[in-house]
Amino acid sequence: MTADLYVRGSVHHYTAETSREAYHSIYDTLGQRQQEVYDGFLGNGSCTNLELSHLMQMPINCVTPRTNELRKRGLIVEDCKRVCNISGRRAISWKIK
């Protein structure tokens, strides 16, 4: 039983360390606004551009272009199309890949 816990602990530690390294390798290639928007998705999960704009208190015209850039780089993907909690309209909800 102890061996199982140790193995699980090691795997978890390795996964967390690998994720951290991947994050930093991606993060270093992004511009400042791209980093801010990427962090917004990391901290808030799946959200629309307008929701992220409100959560981060950043103008929508700063969020939408950065979202498109992150999508083109394959760092975020469409999660679903749903009603936005801010506008009440149907919109794409994005998430970290």
PDB file of N, CA and C in Angstrom:
ATOM      1  N   MET A   1       0.824  -1.194   0.000  1.00  0.00           N
ATOM      2  CA  MET A   1       0.000   0.000   0.000  1.00  0.00           C
ATOM      3  C   MET A   1       0.867   1.256   0.000  1.00  0.00           C
ATOM      4  N   THR A   2       1.928   1.258   0.780  1.00  0.00           N
ATOM      5  CA  THR A   2       2.809   2.416   0.808  1.00  0.00           C
ATOM      6  C   THR A   2       3.434   2.647  -0.560  1.00  0.00           C
ATOM      7  N   ALA A   3       3.812   1.588  -1.248  1.00  0.00           N
ATOM      8  CA  ALA A   3       4.418   1.721  -2.569  1.00  0.00           C
ATOM      9  C   ALA A   3       3.436   2.375  -3.543  1.00  0.00           C
ATOM     10  N   ASP A   4       2.143   2.006  -3.468  1.00  0.00           N
ATOM     11  CA  ASP A   4       1.145   2.601  -4.345  1.00  0.00           C
ATOM     12  C   ASP A   4       1.021   4.107  -4.102  1.00  0.00           C
ATOM     13  N   LEU A   5       1.008   4.490  -2.837  1.00  0.00           N
ATOM     14  CA  LEU A   5       0.897   5.904  -2.519  1.00  0.00           C
ATOM     15  C   LEU A   5       2.132   6.660  -3.000  1.00  0.00           C
ATOM     16  N   TYR A   6       3.280   6.061  -2.835  1.00  0.00           N
ATOM     17  CA  TYR A   6       4.514   6.696  -3.264  1.00  0.00           C
ATOM     18  C   TYR A   6       4.529   6.870  -4.783  1.00  0.00           C
ATOM     19  N   VAL A   7       4.118   5.838  -5.494  1.00  0.00           N
ATOM     20  CA  VAL A   7       4.075   5.914  -6.957  1.00  0.00           C
ATOM     21  C   VAL A   7       3.098   6.999  -7.391  1.00  0.00           C
ATOM     22  N   ARG A   8       1.933   7.021  -6.790  1.00  0.00           N
ATOM     23  CA  ARG A   8       0.944   8.043  -7.136  1.00  0.00           C
ATOM     24  C   ARG A   8       1.494   9.432  -6.837  1.00  0.00           C
ATOM     25  N   GLY A   9       2.140   9.568  -5.699  1.00  0.00           N
ATOM     26  CA  GLY A   9       2.722  10.859  -5.335  1.00  0.00           C
ATOM     27  C   GLY A   9       3.788  11.282  -6.319  1.00  0.00           C
ATOM     28  N   SER A  10       4.613  10.374  -6.758  1.00  0.00           N
ATOM     29  CA  SER A  10       5.672  10.692  -7.707  1.00  0.00           C
ATOM     30  C   SER A  10       5.090  11.085  -9.053  1.00  0.00           C
ATOM     31  N   VAL A  11       4.111  10.344  -9.500  1.00  0.00           N
ATOM     32  CA  VAL A  11       3.486  10.647 -10.780  1.00  0.00           C
ATOM     33  C   VAL A  11       2.844  12.022 -10.716  1.00  0.00           C
ATOM     34  N   HIS A  12       2.142  12.299  -9.615  1.00  0.00           N
ATOM     35  CA  HIS A  12       1.501  13.598  -9.465  1.00  0.00           C
ATOM     36  C   HIS A  12       2.546  14.711  -9.465  1.00  0.00           C
ATOM     37  N   HIS A  13       3.630  14.519  -8.742  1.00  0.00           N
ATOM     38  CA  HIS A  13       4.680  15.528  -8.688  1.00  0.00           C
ATOM     39  C   HIS A  13       5.279  15.726 -10.076  1.00  0.00           C
ATOM     40  N   TYR A  14       5.532  14.647 -10.783  1.00  0.00           N
ATOM     41  CA  TYR A  14       6.104  14.721 -12.120  1.00  0.00           C
ATOM     42  C   TYR A  14       5.164  15.457 -13.069  1.00  0.00           C
ATOM     43  N   THR A  15       3.874  15.149 -12.988  1.00  0.00           N
ATOM     44  CA  THR A  15       2.882  15.803 -13.838  1.00  0.00           C
ATOM     45  C   THR A  15       2.835  17.293 -13.548  1.00  0.00           C
ATOM     46  N   ALA A  16       2.821  17.656 -12.268  1.00  0.00           N
ATOM     47  CA  ALA A  16       2.773  19.070 -11.896  1.00  0.00           C
ATOM     48  C   ALA A  16       4.022  19.786 -12.394  1.00  0.00           C
ATOM     49  N   GLU A  17       5.178  19.167 -12.254  1.00  0.00           N
ATOM     50  CA  GLU A  17       6.432  19.778 -12.704  1.00  0.00           C
ATOM     51  C   GLU A  17       6.446  19.921 -14.228  1.00  0.00           C
ATOM     52  N   THR A  18       5.984  18.909 -14.930  1.00  0.00           N
ATOM     53  CA  THR A  18       5.913  18.957 -16.389  1.00  0.00           C
ATOM     54  C   THR A  18       4.971  20.063 -16.843  1.00  0.00           C
ATOM     55  N   SER A  19       3.834  20.182 -16.197  1.00  0.00           N
ATOM     56  CA  SER A  19       2.869  21.234 -16.529  1.00  0.00           C
ATOM     57  C   SER A  19       3.470  22.612 -16.295  1.00  0.00           C
ATOM     58  N   ARG A  20       4.193  22.752 -15.221  1.00  0.00           N
ATOM     59  CA  ARG A  20       4.825  24.032 -14.898  1.00  0.00           C
ATOM     60  C   ARG A  20       5.871  24.405 -15.961  1.00  0.00           C
ATOM     61  N   GLU A  21       6.666  23.422 -16.382  1.00  0.00           N
ATOM     62  CA  GLU A  21       7.672  23.666 -17.417  1.00  0.00           C
ATOM     63  C   GLU A  21       7.009  24.036 -18.742  1.00  0.00           C
ATOM     64  N   ALA A  22       5.938  23.343 -19.093  1.00  0.00           N
ATOM     65  CA  ALA A  22       5.210  23.644 -20.327  1.00  0.00           C
ATOM     66  C   ALA A  22       4.634  25.052 -20.270  1.00  0.00           C
ATOM     67  N   TYR A  23       4.082  25.421 -19.131  1.00  0.00           N
ATOM     68  CA  TYR A  23       3.507  26.755 -18.951  1.00  0.00           C
ATOM     69  C   TYR A  23       4.575  27.813 -19.187  1.00  0.00           C
ATOM     70  N   HIS A  24       5.737  27.649 -18.575  1.00  0.00           N
ATOM     71  CA  HIS A  24       6.796  28.651 -18.709  1.00  0.00           C
ATOM     72  C   HIS A  24       7.353  28.704 -20.132  1.00  0.00           C
ATOM     73  N   SER A  25       7.439  27.570 -20.804  1.00  0.00           N
ATOM     74  CA  SER A  25       7.949  27.587 -22.174  1.00  0.00           C
ATOM     75  C   SER A  25       6.970  28.307 -23.105  1.00  0.00           C
ATOM     76  N   ILE A  26       5.679  28.171 -22.857  1.00  0.00           N
ATOM     77  CA  ILE A  26       4.654  28.876 -23.635  1.00  0.00           C
ATOM     78  C   ILE A  26       4.650  30.352 -23.250  1.00  0.00           C
ATOM     79  N   TYR A  27       4.642  30.599 -21.970  1.00  0.00           N
ATOM     80  CA  TYR A  27       4.502  31.951 -21.427  1.00  0.00           C
ATOM     81  C   TYR A  27       5.600  32.879 -21.935  1.00  0.00           C
ATOM     82  N   ASP A  28       6.814  32.365 -22.039  1.00  0.00           N
ATOM     83  CA  ASP A  28       7.955  33.178 -22.460  1.00  0.00           C
ATOM     84  C   ASP A  28       7.847  33.646 -23.907  1.00  0.00           C
ATOM     85  N   THR A  29       7.009  33.007 -24.710  1.00  0.00           N
ATOM     86  CA  THR A  29       6.868  33.374 -26.122  1.00  0.00           C
ATOM     87  C   THR A  29       5.709  34.343 -26.364  1.00  0.00           C
ATOM     88  N   LEU A  30       4.967  34.696 -25.324  1.00  0.00           N
ATOM     89  CA  LEU A  30       3.790  35.549 -25.469  1.00  0.00           C
ATOM     90  C   LEU A  30       4.105  37.002 -25.142  1.00  0.00           C
ATOM     91  N   GLY A  31       3.366  37.906 -25.793  1.00  0.00           N
ATOM     92  CA  GLY A  31       3.447  39.311 -25.444  1.00  0.00           C
ATOM     93  C   GLY A  31       2.729  39.560 -24.125  1.00  0.00           C
ATOM     94  N   GLN A  32       2.871  40.761 -23.574  1.00  0.00           N
ATOM     95  CA  GLN A  32       2.292  41.070 -22.265  1.00  0.00           C
ATOM     96  C   GLN A  32       0.780  40.892 -22.229  1.00  0.00           C
ATOM     97  N   ARG A  33       0.049  41.452 -23.194  1.00  0.00           N
ATOM     98  CA  ARG A  33      -1.412  41.320 -23.206  1.00  0.00           C
ATOM     99  C   ARG A  33      -1.824  39.868 -23.431  1.00  0.00           C
ATOM    100  N   GLN A  34      -1.091  39.155 -24.291  1.00  0.00           N
ATOM    101  CA  GLN A  34      -1.383  37.736 -24.509  1.00  0.00           C
ATOM    102  C   GLN A  34      -1.207  36.965 -23.202  1.00  0.00           C
ATOM    103  N   GLN A  35      -0.160  37.288 -22.446  1.00  0.00           N
ATOM    104  CA  GLN A  35       0.062  36.640 -21.150  1.00  0.00           C
ATOM    105  C   GLN A  35      -1.091  36.913 -20.199  1.00  0.00           C
ATOM    106  N   GLU A  36      -1.557  38.154 -20.176  1.00  0.00           N
ATOM    107  CA  GLU A  36      -2.658  38.522 -19.284  1.00  0.00           C
ATOM    108  C   GLU A  36      -3.936  37.762 -19.637  1.00  0.00           C
ATOM    109  N   VAL A  37      -4.246  37.683 -20.930  1.00  0.00           N
ATOM    110  CA  VAL A  37      -5.459  36.977 -21.361  1.00  0.00           C
ATOM    111  C   VAL A  37      -5.311  35.476 -21.103  1.00  0.00           C
ATOM    112  N   TYR A  38      -4.138  34.929 -21.394  1.00  0.00           N
ATOM    113  CA  TYR A  38      -3.880  33.502 -21.132  1.00  0.00           C
ATOM    114  C   TYR A  38      -4.058  33.199 -19.643  1.00  0.00           C
ATOM    115  N   ASP A  39      -3.506  34.054 -18.793  1.00  0.00           N
ATOM    116  CA  ASP A  39      -3.669  33.893 -17.342  1.00  0.00           C
ATOM    117  C   ASP A  39      -5.129  33.997 -16.936  1.00  0.00           C
ATOM    118  N   GLY A  40      -5.871  34.865 -17.612  1.00  0.00           N
ATOM    119  CA  GLY A  40      -7.298  34.999 -17.320  1.00  0.00           C
ATOM    120  C   GLY A  40      -8.036  33.706 -17.570  1.00  0.00           C
ATOM    121  N   PHE A  41      -7.710  33.029 -18.667  1.00  0.00           N
ATOM    122  CA  PHE A  41      -8.331  31.733 -18.943  1.00  0.00           C
ATOM    123  C   PHE A  41      -7.861  30.683 -17.939  1.00  0.00           C
ATOM    124  N   LEU A  42      -6.594  30.732 -17.565  1.00  0.00           N
ATOM    125  CA  LEU A  42      -6.088  29.775 -16.576  1.00  0.00           C
ATOM    126  C   LEU A  42      -6.818  29.932 -15.247  1.00  0.00           C
ATOM    127  N   GLY A  43      -7.027  31.173 -14.848  1.00  0.00           N
ATOM    128  CA  GLY A  43      -7.638  31.439 -13.552  1.00  0.00           C
ATOM    129  C   GLY A  43      -9.147  31.313 -13.520  1.00  0.00           C
ATOM    130  N   ASN A  44      -9.800  31.430 -14.668  1.00  0.00           N
ATOM    131  CA  ASN A  44     -11.258  31.451 -14.692  1.00  0.00           C
ATOM    132  C   ASN A  44     -11.885  30.302 -15.467  1.00  0.00           C
ATOM    133  N   GLY A  45     -11.078  29.482 -16.100  1.00  0.00           N
ATOM    134  CA  GLY A  45     -11.618  28.354 -16.854  1.00  0.00           C
ATOM    135  C   GLY A  45     -12.287  28.807 -18.137  1.00  0.00           C
ATOM    136  N   SER A  46     -13.319  28.122 -18.526  1.00  0.00           N
ATOM    137  CA  SER A  46     -14.026  28.395 -19.775  1.00  0.00           C
ATOM    138  C   SER A  46     -14.869  29.663 -19.651  1.00  0.00           C
ATOM    139  N   CYS A  47     -14.638  30.610 -20.562  1.00  0.00           N
ATOM    140  CA  CYS A  47     -15.449  31.825 -20.557  1.00  0.00           C
ATOM    141  C   CYS A  47     -15.439  32.476 -21.934  1.00  0.00           C
ATOM    142  N   THR A  48     -16.414  33.336 -22.154  1.00  0.00           N
ATOM    143  CA  THR A  48     -16.502  34.076 -23.408  1.00  0.00           C
ATOM    144  C   THR A  48     -15.551  35.277 -23.326  1.00  0.00           C
ATOM    145  N   ASN A  49     -15.311  35.903 -24.474  1.00  0.00           N
ATOM    146  CA  ASN A  49     -14.459  37.092 -24.483  1.00  0.00           C
ATOM    147  C   ASN A  49     -15.021  38.184 -23.575  1.00  0.00           C
ATOM    148  N   LEU A  50     -16.326  38.395 -23.637  1.00  0.00           N
ATOM    149  CA  LEU A  50     -16.944  39.452 -22.834  1.00  0.00           C
ATOM    150  C   LEU A  50     -16.878  39.131 -21.338  1.00  0.00           C
ATOM    151  N   GLU A  51     -17.105  37.868 -20.976  1.00  0.00           N
ATOM    152  CA  GLU A  51     -16.982  37.472 -19.563  1.00  0.00           C
ATOM    153  C   GLU A  51     -15.561  37.709 -19.062  1.00  0.00           C
ATOM    154  N   LEU A  52     -14.581  37.308 -19.880  1.00  0.00           N
ATOM    155  CA  LEU A  52     -13.182  37.500 -19.482  1.00  0.00           C
ATOM    156  C   LEU A  52     -12.862  38.992 -19.384  1.00  0.00           C
ATOM    157  N   SER A  53     -13.390  39.775 -20.311  1.00  0.00           N
ATOM    158  CA  SER A  53     -13.205  41.217 -20.285  1.00  0.00           C
ATOM    159  C   SER A  53     -13.702  41.808 -18.958  1.00  0.00           C
ATOM    160  N   HIS A  54     -14.870  41.383 -18.527  1.00  0.00           N
ATOM    161  CA  HIS A  54     -15.432  41.881 -17.264  1.00  0.00           C
ATOM    162  C   HIS A  54     -14.662  41.362 -16.062  1.00  0.00           C
ATOM    163  N   LEU A  55     -14.301  40.088 -16.073  1.00  0.00           N
ATOM    164  CA  LEU A  55     -13.564  39.508 -14.951  1.00  0.00           C
ATOM    165  C   LEU A  55     -12.199  40.170 -14.754  1.00  0.00           C
ATOM    166  N   MET A  56     -11.562  40.497 -15.865  1.00  0.00           N
ATOM    167  CA  MET A  56     -10.214  41.063 -15.808  1.00  0.00           C
ATOM    168  C   MET A  56     -10.214  42.587 -15.828  1.00  0.00           C
ATOM    169  N   GLN A  57     -11.399  43.173 -15.965  1.00  0.00           N
ATOM    170  CA  GLN A  57     -11.534  44.631 -16.060  1.00  0.00           C
ATOM    171  C   GLN A  57     -10.620  45.175 -17.163  1.00  0.00           C
ATOM    172  N   MET A  58     -10.722  44.514 -18.326  1.00  0.00           N
ATOM    173  CA  MET A  58      -9.938  44.867 -19.502  1.00  0.00           C
ATOM    174  C   MET A  58     -10.920  45.125 -20.644  1.00  0.00           C
ATOM    175  N   PRO A  59     -10.698  46.142 -21.455  1.00  0.00           N
ATOM    176  CA  PRO A  59     -11.622  46.418 -22.564  1.00  0.00           C
ATOM    177  C   PRO A  59     -11.757  45.218 -23.510  1.00  0.00           C
ATOM    178  N   ILE A  60     -12.960  45.025 -24.018  1.00  0.00           N
ATOM    179  CA  ILE A  60     -13.223  43.906 -24.925  1.00  0.00           C
ATOM    180  C   ILE A  60     -12.341  43.987 -26.169  1.00  0.00           C
ATOM    181  N   ASN A  61     -12.030  45.212 -26.612  1.00  0.00           N
ATOM    182  CA  ASN A  61     -11.197  45.346 -27.807  1.00  0.00           C
ATOM    183  C   ASN A  61      -9.726  45.006 -27.542  1.00  0.00           C
ATOM    184  N   CYS A  62      -9.367  44.736 -26.305  1.00  0.00           N
ATOM    185  CA  CYS A  62      -8.037  44.203 -25.967  1.00  0.00           C
ATOM    186  C   CYS A  62      -8.090  42.681 -25.820  1.00  0.00           C
ATOM    187  N   VAL A  63      -9.230  42.159 -25.369  1.00  0.00           N
ATOM    188  CA  VAL A  63      -9.370  40.721 -25.125  1.00  0.00           C
ATOM    189  C   VAL A  63      -9.563  39.944 -26.424  1.00  0.00           C
ATOM    190  N   THR A  64     -10.469  40.400 -27.278  1.00  0.00           N
ATOM    191  CA  THR A  64     -10.818  39.641 -28.486  1.00  0.00           C
ATOM    192  C   THR A  64      -9.622  39.400 -29.416  1.00  0.00           C
ATOM    193  N   PRO A  65      -8.804  40.400 -29.722  1.00  0.00           N
ATOM    194  CA  PRO A  65      -7.649  40.120 -30.592  1.00  0.00           C
ATOM    195  C   PRO A  65      -6.661  39.137 -29.954  1.00  0.00           C
ATOM    196  N   ARG A  66      -6.463  39.252 -28.647  1.00  0.00           N
ATOM    197  CA  ARG A  66      -5.534  38.335 -27.959  1.00  0.00           C
ATOM    198  C   ARG A  66      -6.094  36.908 -27.956  1.00  0.00           C
ATOM    199  N   THR A  67      -7.406  36.781 -27.806  1.00  0.00           N
ATOM    200  CA  THR A  67      -8.047  35.466 -27.868  1.00  0.00           C
ATOM    201  C   THR A  67      -7.814  34.845 -29.245  1.00  0.00           C
ATOM    202  N   ASN A  68      -7.991  35.632 -30.290  1.00  0.00           N
ATOM    203  CA  ASN A  68      -7.775  35.125 -31.647  1.00  0.00           C
ATOM    204  C   ASN A  68      -6.322  34.707 -31.859  1.00  0.00           C
ATOM    205  N   GLU A  69      -5.389  35.485 -31.348  1.00  0.00           N
ATOM    206  CA  GLU A  69      -3.967  35.134 -31.469  1.00  0.00           C
ATOM    207  C   GLU A  69      -3.656  33.838 -30.725  1.00  0.00           C
ATOM    208  N   LEU A  70      -4.180  33.710 -29.513  1.00  0.00           N
ATOM    209  CA  LEU A  70      -3.949  32.495 -28.723  1.00  0.00           C
ATOM    210  C   LEU A  70      -4.583  31.282 -29.397  1.00  0.00           C
ATOM    211  N   ARG A  71      -5.756  31.478 -30.006  1.00  0.00           N
ATOM    212  CA  ARG A  71      -6.418  30.382 -30.721  1.00  0.00           C
ATOM    213  C   ARG A  71      -5.586  29.951 -31.926  1.00  0.00           C
ATOM    214  N   LYS A  72      -5.090  30.909 -32.692  1.00  0.00           N
ATOM    215  CA  LYS A  72      -4.275  30.588 -33.862  1.00  0.00           C
ATOM    216  C   LYS A  72      -2.989  29.856 -33.487  1.00  0.00           C
ATOM    217  N   ARG A  73      -2.476  30.130 -32.313  1.00  0.00           N
ATOM    218  CA  ARG A  73      -1.269  29.448 -31.838  1.00  0.00           C
ATOM    219  C   ARG A  73      -1.584  28.092 -31.199  1.00  0.00           C
ATOM    220  N   GLY A  74      -2.871  27.780 -31.085  1.00  0.00           N
ATOM    221  CA  GLY A  74      -3.268  26.488 -30.538  1.00  0.00           C
ATOM    222  C   GLY A  74      -3.214  26.408 -29.024  1.00  0.00           C
ATOM    223  N   LEU A  75      -3.198  27.558 -28.351  1.00  0.00           N
ATOM    224  CA  LEU A  75      -3.103  27.575 -26.893  1.00  0.00           C
ATOM    225  C   LEU A  75      -4.468  27.555 -26.211  1.00  0.00           C
ATOM    226  N   ILE A  76      -5.487  28.051 -26.908  1.00  0.00           N
ATOM    227  CA  ILE A  76      -6.857  27.948 -26.407  1.00  0.00           C
ATOM    228  C   ILE A  76      -7.713  27.342 -27.512  1.00  0.00           C
ATOM    229  N   VAL A  77      -8.801  26.729 -27.108  1.00  0.00           N
ATOM    230  CA  VAL A  77      -9.717  26.089 -28.047  1.00  0.00           C
ATOM    231  C   VAL A  77     -11.155  26.433 -27.656  1.00  0.00           C
ATOM    232  N   GLU A  78     -12.049  26.263 -28.622  1.00  0.00           N
ATOM    233  CA  GLU A  78     -13.467  26.473 -28.350  1.00  0.00           C
ATOM    234  C   GLU A  78     -13.945  25.382 -27.404  1.00  0.00           C
ATOM    235  N   ASP A  79     -14.579  25.785 -26.317  1.00  0.00           N
ATOM    236  CA  ASP A  79     -15.149  24.829 -25.374  1.00  0.00           C
ATOM    237  C   ASP A  79     -16.568  24.484 -25.792  1.00  0.00           C
ATOM    238  N   CYS A  80     -17.366  25.524 -26.035  1.00  0.00           N
ATOM    239  CA  CYS A  80     -18.752  25.323 -26.461  1.00  0.00           C
ATOM    240  C   CYS A  80     -19.329  26.662 -26.897  1.00  0.00           C
ATOM    241  N   LYS A  81     -20.503  26.619 -27.472  1.00  0.00           N
ATOM    242  CA  LYS A  81     -21.262  27.831 -27.758  1.00  0.00           C
ATOM    243  C   LYS A  81     -22.408  27.851 -26.768  1.00  0.00           C
ATOM    244  N   ARG A  82     -22.522  28.953 -26.036  1.00  0.00           N
ATOM    245  CA  ARG A  82     -23.537  29.047 -24.998  1.00  0.00           C
ATOM    246  C   ARG A  82     -23.943  30.506 -24.806  1.00  0.00           C
ATOM    247  N   VAL A  83     -24.917  30.732 -23.964  1.00  0.00           N
ATOM    248  CA  VAL A  83     -25.366  32.092 -23.665  1.00  0.00           C
ATOM    249  C   VAL A  83     -24.334  32.741 -22.740  1.00  0.00           C
ATOM    250  N   CYS A  84     -23.848  33.895 -23.148  1.00  0.00           N
ATOM    251  CA  CYS A  84     -22.883  34.660 -22.353  1.00  0.00           C
ATOM    252  C   CYS A  84     -23.583  35.212 -21.113  1.00  0.00           C
ATOM    253  N   ASN A  85     -22.915  35.107 -19.975  1.00  0.00           N
ATOM    254  CA  ASN A  85     -23.496  35.592 -18.724  1.00  0.00           C
ATOM    255  C   ASN A  85     -23.579  37.112 -18.654  1.00  0.00           C
ATOM    256  N   ILE A  86     -22.849  37.809 -19.508  1.00  0.00           N
ATOM    257  CA  ILE A  86     -22.854  39.275 -19.495  1.00  0.00           C
ATOM    258  C   ILE A  86     -23.857  39.831 -20.509  1.00  0.00           C
ATOM    259  N   SER A  87     -23.749  39.377 -21.749  1.00  0.00           N
ATOM    260  CA  SER A  87     -24.584  39.941 -22.820  1.00  0.00           C
ATOM    261  C   SER A  87     -25.943  39.258 -22.959  1.00  0.00           C
ATOM    262  N   GLY A  88     -26.043  38.012 -22.512  1.00  0.00           N
ATOM    263  CA  GLY A  88     -27.272  37.251 -22.688  1.00  0.00           C
ATOM    264  C   GLY A  88     -27.416  36.692 -24.098  1.00  0.00           C
ATOM    265  N   ARG A  89     -26.378  36.858 -24.903  1.00  0.00           N
ATOM    266  CA  ARG A  89     -26.395  36.358 -26.280  1.00  0.00           C
ATOM    267  C   ARG A  89     -25.527  35.115 -26.389  1.00  0.00           C
ATOM    268  N   ARG A  90     -25.793  34.361 -27.438  1.00  0.00           N
ATOM    269  CA  ARG A  90     -25.015  33.162 -27.699  1.00  0.00           C
ATOM    270  C   ARG A  90     -23.602  33.556 -28.147  1.00  0.00           C
ATOM    271  N   ALA A  91     -22.580  32.922 -27.549  1.00  0.00           N
ATOM    272  CA  ALA A  91     -21.190  33.268 -27.861  1.00  0.00           C
ATOM    273  C   ALA A  91     -20.319  32.021 -27.668  1.00  0.00           C
ATOM    274  N   ILE A  92     -19.107  32.094 -28.194  1.00  0.00           N
ATOM    275  CA  ILE A  92     -18.149  31.017 -28.024  1.00  0.00           C
ATOM    276  C   ILE A  92     -17.496  31.143 -26.662  1.00  0.00           C
ATOM    277  N   SER A  93     -17.444  30.039 -25.941  1.00  0.00           N
ATOM    278  CA  SER A  93     -16.737  29.986 -24.676  1.00  0.00           C
ATOM    279  C   SER A  93     -15.407  29.275 -24.946  1.00  0.00           C
ATOM    280  N   TRP A  94     -14.307  29.900 -24.539  1.00  0.00           N
ATOM    281  CA  TRP A  94     -12.958  29.392 -24.807  1.00  0.00           C
ATOM    282  C   TRP A  94     -12.359  28.766 -23.558  1.00  0.00           C
ATOM    283  N   LYS A  95     -11.401  27.875 -23.758  1.00  0.00           N
ATOM    284  CA  LYS A  95     -10.680  27.272 -22.633  1.00  0.00           C
ATOM    285  C   LYS A  95      -9.251  26.981 -23.051  1.00  0.00           C
ATOM    286  N   ILE A  96      -8.388  26.792 -22.088  1.00  0.00           N
ATOM    287  CA  ILE A  96      -6.995  26.428 -22.331  1.00  0.00           C
ATOM    288  C   ILE A  96      -6.971  25.009 -22.899  1.00  0.00           C
ATOM    289  N   LYS A  97      -6.138  24.807 -23.898  1.00  0.00           N
ATOM    290  CA  LYS A  97      -6.033  23.491 -24.545  1.00  0.00           C
ATOM    291  C   LYS A  97      -5.381  22.487 -23.629  1.00  0.00           C
TER     292      LYS A  97
END
